[in-house]
N, C-alpha and C. Protein backbone atom coordinates (compact mmCIF):
# COMPACT_ATOMS: atom_id res chain seq x y z
N MET A 1 85.56 95.99 123.87
CA MET A 1 86.55 95.85 122.83
C MET A 1 86.77 94.49 122.88
N TRP A 2 87.56 93.79 123.66
CA TRP A 2 88.25 92.66 123.88
C TRP A 2 87.76 91.62 122.85
N SER A 3 86.39 92.02 123.85
CA SER A 3 85.14 90.62 123.03
C SER A 3 84.80 90.59 121.56
N ASP A 4 85.51 91.97 121.29
CA ASP A 4 85.16 92.40 119.49
C ASP A 4 86.39 91.13 118.67
N PHE A 5 87.66 91.82 119.47
CA PHE A 5 88.64 90.85 118.82
C PHE A 5 89.07 89.32 118.99
N LEU A 6 88.00 89.18 120.10
CA LEU A 6 88.02 87.67 120.46
C LEU A 6 87.04 86.64 119.64
N LEU A 7 86.24 87.44 119.35
CA LEU A 7 85.04 87.07 118.31
C LEU A 7 85.14 87.45 117.39
N ARG A 8 86.49 87.99 116.43
CA ARG A 8 86.67 87.92 115.25
C ARG A 8 87.67 86.69 115.13
N PHE A 9 88.63 86.41 116.07
CA PHE A 9 89.63 85.41 116.17
C PHE A 9 89.11 83.93 116.01
N VAL A 10 88.01 84.13 116.61
CA VAL A 10 87.52 82.80 116.53
C VAL A 10 86.55 82.29 115.38
N ILE A 11 85.83 83.48 114.80
CA ILE A 11 85.35 83.46 113.73
C ILE A 11 86.22 83.18 112.31
N GLY A 12 87.27 83.98 112.69
CA GLY A 12 88.35 84.11 111.16
C GLY A 12 88.98 82.81 111.58
N GLY A 13 89.31 82.21 112.61
CA GLY A 13 90.03 81.38 112.75
C GLY A 13 89.14 79.86 112.47
N LEU A 14 87.98 79.64 112.59
CA LEU A 14 86.98 78.87 112.08
C LEU A 14 86.67 78.58 110.49
N ALA A 15 86.65 80.18 110.12
CA ALA A 15 86.25 80.31 108.77
C ALA A 15 87.47 79.68 107.28
N VAL A 16 88.87 80.41 108.56
CA VAL A 16 90.42 79.90 107.87
C VAL A 16 90.46 78.33 107.43
N SER A 17 90.10 77.83 108.91
CA SER A 17 89.98 75.96 108.91
C SER A 17 89.25 75.53 107.62
N VAL A 18 88.04 76.12 107.54
CA VAL A 18 86.98 75.53 106.23
C VAL A 18 87.55 75.80 105.04
N PHE A 19 87.92 77.46 105.05
CA PHE A 19 88.14 77.47 103.49
C PHE A 19 89.95 76.60 103.24
N SER A 20 90.71 76.33 104.55
CA SER A 20 91.62 75.88 104.24
C SER A 20 91.30 74.85 103.67
N LEU A 21 90.62 73.81 104.74
CA LEU A 21 90.18 72.47 103.88
C LEU A 21 89.65 72.53 102.54
N ILE A 22 88.65 73.43 101.96
CA ILE A 22 88.04 73.49 100.68
C ILE A 22 89.56 73.41 99.92
N GLY A 23 90.37 74.34 99.99
CA GLY A 23 91.41 74.73 98.85
C GLY A 23 92.65 73.65 98.56
N ASP A 24 92.06 72.95 99.94
CA ASP A 24 93.30 71.83 99.44
C ASP A 24 93.08 70.73 98.84
N LEU A 25 91.48 70.63 98.75
CA LEU A 25 90.68 69.92 97.89
C LEU A 25 91.19 69.85 96.25
N PHE A 26 91.48 71.03 96.05
CA PHE A 26 91.70 71.93 94.50
C PHE A 26 93.09 71.71 93.92
N LYS A 27 93.51 71.61 92.92
CA LYS A 27 94.79 71.61 92.45
C LYS A 27 95.08 72.80 92.08
N PRO A 28 96.35 73.92 91.76
CA PRO A 28 97.37 73.23 92.48
C PRO A 28 96.94 73.53 94.08
N LYS A 29 98.03 72.84 94.66
CA LYS A 29 97.56 73.55 96.37
C LYS A 29 98.10 74.69 96.81
N SER A 30 98.32 75.11 95.95
CA SER A 30 98.36 77.23 95.55
C SER A 30 97.40 77.92 96.22
N PHE A 31 95.97 77.34 95.43
CA PHE A 31 94.94 77.46 96.21
C PHE A 31 94.45 77.85 97.90
N ALA A 32 94.99 76.74 98.29
CA ALA A 32 94.63 76.84 99.72
C ALA A 32 94.81 78.09 100.46
N GLY A 33 96.04 79.00 100.21
CA GLY A 33 96.22 79.98 100.99
C GLY A 33 94.91 81.49 100.28
N LEU A 34 95.06 81.32 99.07
CA LEU A 34 93.93 82.38 98.17
C LEU A 34 92.35 82.08 98.93
N PHE A 35 92.15 80.80 99.43
CA PHE A 35 90.52 80.56 99.84
C PHE A 35 90.51 80.25 100.99
N SER A 36 91.95 80.33 101.85
CA SER A 36 91.64 80.61 103.25
C SER A 36 91.99 81.88 103.92
N ALA A 37 92.29 82.81 103.33
CA ALA A 37 92.80 84.22 104.09
C ALA A 37 91.77 84.95 103.80
N ALA A 38 91.22 85.60 102.44
CA ALA A 38 90.31 86.83 102.29
C ALA A 38 88.96 85.88 102.64
N PRO A 39 88.45 85.64 102.16
CA PRO A 39 87.09 84.77 102.29
C PRO A 39 87.09 84.86 103.69
N SER A 40 88.28 84.07 104.73
CA SER A 40 87.59 84.66 106.09
C SER A 40 87.65 85.42 106.91
N ILE A 41 88.23 86.40 106.82
CA ILE A 41 88.30 87.69 106.87
C ILE A 41 86.97 88.54 106.38
N ALA A 42 86.64 88.26 105.44
CA ALA A 42 85.38 89.10 105.19
C ALA A 42 84.09 88.49 105.50
N LEU A 43 84.16 87.74 105.97
CA LEU A 43 83.01 86.52 106.75
C LEU A 43 83.15 87.50 108.41
N GLY A 44 84.25 87.05 108.83
CA GLY A 44 84.56 87.65 110.06
C GLY A 44 83.74 89.03 110.64
N THR A 45 84.19 89.82 109.67
CA THR A 45 83.71 91.06 109.68
C THR A 45 82.59 91.23 109.51
N LEU A 46 82.06 90.80 108.08
CA LEU A 46 80.28 91.05 108.34
C LEU A 46 79.67 90.62 109.48
N TRP A 47 80.13 89.24 109.55
CA TRP A 47 78.83 88.59 110.87
C TRP A 47 79.26 89.81 111.94
N LEU A 48 80.83 90.21 112.24
CA LEU A 48 80.40 91.47 113.31
C LEU A 48 79.61 92.68 113.10
N ALA A 49 79.72 93.08 111.56
CA ALA A 49 78.80 94.16 111.24
C ALA A 49 77.57 94.05 111.82
N ILE A 50 76.94 92.61 110.97
CA ILE A 50 75.85 92.54 111.19
C ILE A 50 75.31 92.41 112.62
N ALA A 51 76.15 91.87 113.39
CA ALA A 51 75.91 91.67 114.81
C ALA A 51 75.84 93.34 115.85
N LYS A 52 76.49 94.39 114.99
CA LYS A 52 76.75 95.58 116.01
C LYS A 52 76.01 96.34 115.18
N HIS A 53 75.66 96.58 113.80
CA HIS A 53 74.81 97.64 113.17
C HIS A 53 73.90 97.35 112.36
N GLY A 54 73.80 95.85 112.18
CA GLY A 54 72.56 95.70 111.48
C GLY A 54 72.85 95.01 109.85
N ALA A 55 71.96 94.47 109.23
CA ALA A 55 72.47 94.13 107.85
C ALA A 55 72.39 95.11 106.98
N SER A 56 71.70 96.15 107.21
CA SER A 56 72.10 96.99 106.02
C SER A 56 73.50 97.97 106.04
N TYR A 57 73.90 97.68 107.12
CA TYR A 57 75.50 98.34 107.27
C TYR A 57 76.36 97.34 106.91
N ALA A 58 75.94 96.04 106.91
CA ALA A 58 77.16 95.11 106.77
C ALA A 58 76.54 94.76 104.71
N ALA A 59 75.38 95.15 104.59
CA ALA A 59 75.34 95.24 102.94
C ALA A 59 76.07 95.94 102.47
N ILE A 60 76.42 97.31 103.11
CA ILE A 60 77.27 98.06 102.57
C ILE A 60 78.91 97.60 102.43
N GLU A 61 79.26 97.26 103.69
CA GLU A 61 80.37 97.05 104.50
C GLU A 61 80.68 95.52 102.68
N GLY A 62 80.12 95.16 102.60
CA GLY A 62 79.76 93.70 101.53
C GLY A 62 80.26 94.38 100.22
N GLN A 63 79.49 95.50 100.00
CA GLN A 63 79.75 96.11 98.50
C GLN A 63 81.22 96.92 98.28
N SER A 64 81.36 97.40 99.31
CA SER A 64 82.78 97.63 99.18
C SER A 64 83.85 96.97 99.41
N MET A 65 83.71 95.89 100.10
CA MET A 65 84.80 94.43 99.98
C MET A 65 84.90 94.04 98.48
N MET A 66 83.58 94.12 97.57
CA MET A 66 83.63 93.94 95.93
C MET A 66 84.45 94.65 95.67
N ALA A 67 84.23 96.04 95.61
CA ALA A 67 84.56 97.19 95.00
C ALA A 67 86.22 96.77 95.55
N GLY A 68 86.40 97.08 95.90
CA GLY A 68 88.01 96.71 96.89
C GLY A 68 88.84 95.83 95.94
N ALA A 69 87.67 94.56 95.64
CA ALA A 69 88.40 92.84 94.79
C ALA A 69 88.52 93.70 93.91
N VAL A 70 87.57 94.25 92.87
CA VAL A 70 87.78 94.53 91.67
C VAL A 70 88.94 95.79 91.39
N ALA A 71 88.86 96.53 92.36
CA ALA A 71 90.20 97.23 92.24
C ALA A 71 91.61 96.45 92.74
N LEU A 72 91.64 95.63 93.12
CA LEU A 72 92.60 94.97 93.80
C LEU A 72 92.91 93.90 92.08
N TYR A 73 92.34 93.64 91.61
CA TYR A 73 92.43 93.13 90.31
C TYR A 73 93.13 94.06 89.00
N VAL A 74 92.07 95.28 89.00
CA VAL A 74 93.04 96.34 88.17
C VAL A 74 94.49 96.30 88.20
N TYR A 75 94.55 96.58 89.68
CA TYR A 75 95.96 96.95 90.25
C TYR A 75 97.05 95.71 90.05
N SER A 76 96.58 94.45 90.14
CA SER A 76 97.46 93.22 90.18
C SER A 76 97.37 92.79 88.32
N GLN A 77 96.73 93.47 87.41
CA GLN A 77 96.89 93.37 86.03
C GLN A 77 97.56 94.45 85.43
N ILE A 78 97.62 95.51 86.43
CA ILE A 78 98.85 96.33 86.00
C ILE A 78 99.81 96.46 86.15
N VAL A 79 100.04 95.95 87.52
CA VAL A 79 101.32 95.13 87.85
C VAL A 79 102.24 94.24 87.00
N SER A 80 101.38 93.51 86.87
CA SER A 80 101.74 92.26 86.08
C SER A 80 102.06 92.47 84.64
N TRP A 81 101.22 93.55 84.05
CA TRP A 81 101.80 93.71 82.75
C TRP A 81 102.82 94.81 82.53
N LEU A 82 103.29 95.39 83.54
CA LEU A 82 104.71 96.01 83.71
C LEU A 82 105.68 95.20 84.10
N LEU A 83 105.32 94.58 84.76
CA LEU A 83 106.46 93.67 84.91
C LEU A 83 106.74 92.55 84.12
N ILE A 84 106.10 91.94 83.29
CA ILE A 84 106.42 91.10 82.21
C ILE A 84 106.58 92.01 81.10
N ARG A 85 106.21 92.99 80.60
CA ARG A 85 106.55 93.59 79.64
C ARG A 85 107.65 94.52 79.27
N TYR A 86 107.85 95.31 80.66
CA TYR A 86 109.01 96.34 80.56
C TYR A 86 110.14 95.92 81.45
N LYS A 87 109.80 94.57 82.38
CA LYS A 87 110.87 94.24 83.36
C LYS A 87 111.39 95.48 84.27
N PHE A 88 110.30 96.29 84.83
CA PHE A 88 110.68 96.76 86.06
C PHE A 88 110.82 96.44 87.14
N SER A 89 111.71 96.81 87.95
CA SER A 89 112.10 95.81 89.34
C SER A 89 110.55 96.05 89.94
N SER A 90 110.18 95.02 90.76
CA SER A 90 108.90 94.68 91.18
C SER A 90 108.78 95.84 92.65
N PRO A 91 109.58 96.36 93.09
CA PRO A 91 109.50 97.21 94.61
C PRO A 91 108.75 98.41 93.67
N PHE A 92 109.39 98.76 92.82
CA PHE A 92 109.05 100.10 91.99
C PHE A 92 108.00 100.18 91.49
N VAL A 93 107.38 99.21 90.80
CA VAL A 93 106.18 98.90 90.37
C VAL A 93 105.24 98.52 91.31
N SER A 94 105.25 98.05 92.26
CA SER A 94 104.23 97.60 93.66
C SER A 94 103.91 98.84 93.84
N VAL A 95 104.57 99.32 94.79
CA VAL A 95 104.73 101.16 95.03
C VAL A 95 103.84 102.12 94.92
N SER A 96 104.59 102.08 93.14
CA SER A 96 104.16 102.91 92.42
C SER A 96 102.96 102.87 91.89
N ALA A 97 102.43 101.19 91.39
CA ALA A 97 100.86 101.29 91.40
C ALA A 97 99.76 101.18 92.20
N LEU A 98 100.19 101.46 93.43
CA LEU A 98 99.27 101.37 94.34
C LEU A 98 98.45 102.71 94.24
N LEU A 99 98.74 103.78 93.81
CA LEU A 99 97.99 105.27 93.43
C LEU A 99 96.67 104.51 92.53
N LEU A 100 96.97 103.51 91.35
CA LEU A 100 96.35 103.28 90.47
C LEU A 100 95.12 102.64 91.31
N TRP A 101 95.61 101.69 92.25
CA TRP A 101 94.77 101.05 93.11
C TRP A 101 93.54 102.05 94.03
N PHE A 102 94.34 102.92 94.72
CA PHE A 102 93.40 104.01 95.03
C PHE A 102 92.45 104.71 94.24
N ILE A 103 93.10 104.87 92.89
CA ILE A 103 91.87 105.60 92.11
C ILE A 103 90.92 105.07 91.73
N SER A 104 91.54 103.18 91.30
CA SER A 104 90.43 102.75 90.67
C SER A 104 89.17 102.23 92.21
N ALA A 105 89.60 102.54 93.05
CA ALA A 105 89.10 102.03 94.15
C ALA A 105 87.81 103.04 94.23
N PHE A 106 88.62 104.38 94.14
CA PHE A 106 87.37 105.23 94.68
C PHE A 106 86.34 105.76 93.49
N THR A 107 86.89 105.28 92.58
CA THR A 107 85.96 105.45 90.87
C THR A 107 84.90 104.64 91.22
N ILE A 108 85.31 103.36 91.52
CA ILE A 108 84.07 102.15 91.87
C ILE A 108 83.31 102.68 92.88
N TRP A 109 83.52 103.28 93.91
CA TRP A 109 82.80 103.73 95.18
C TRP A 109 81.87 104.87 94.80
N LEU A 110 82.59 105.96 94.04
CA LEU A 110 81.89 106.98 93.76
C LEU A 110 80.82 106.60 92.56
N ALA A 111 80.99 105.48 92.02
CA ALA A 111 80.15 105.77 90.56
C ALA A 111 78.90 104.45 91.06
N ILE A 112 79.23 103.22 91.56
CA ILE A 112 78.57 102.77 92.19
C ILE A 112 77.78 102.76 93.48
N LEU A 113 78.64 102.55 94.24
CA LEU A 113 78.09 102.54 95.78
C LEU A 113 77.52 103.74 96.40
N LYS A 114 77.89 105.34 95.82
CA LYS A 114 77.44 106.28 96.50
C LYS A 114 76.31 107.21 95.76
């Protein structure tokens, strides 16, 4: 169990460093955070999934990650639209729209992955 955490830590740390360097090459510099966080965690998770459960299991994990990313995009667009258009408070909109994220993620999962 602890070896999984250590391995995930090392893989994630290396991937964060590489993606951070890549993000530093682009303008604006705010892309560095975008390029360093999610891809590194996904790569570490997929690598461990391949090592422990095989490629077919990791393929399902990867598809699930893509479905979650699309659902996050839907959530982000709706939250942005509500905040800009109606000037609601951001904590209220962020928490309220989580239900939409769950609905869109579950719908994508049912329609495509299942």
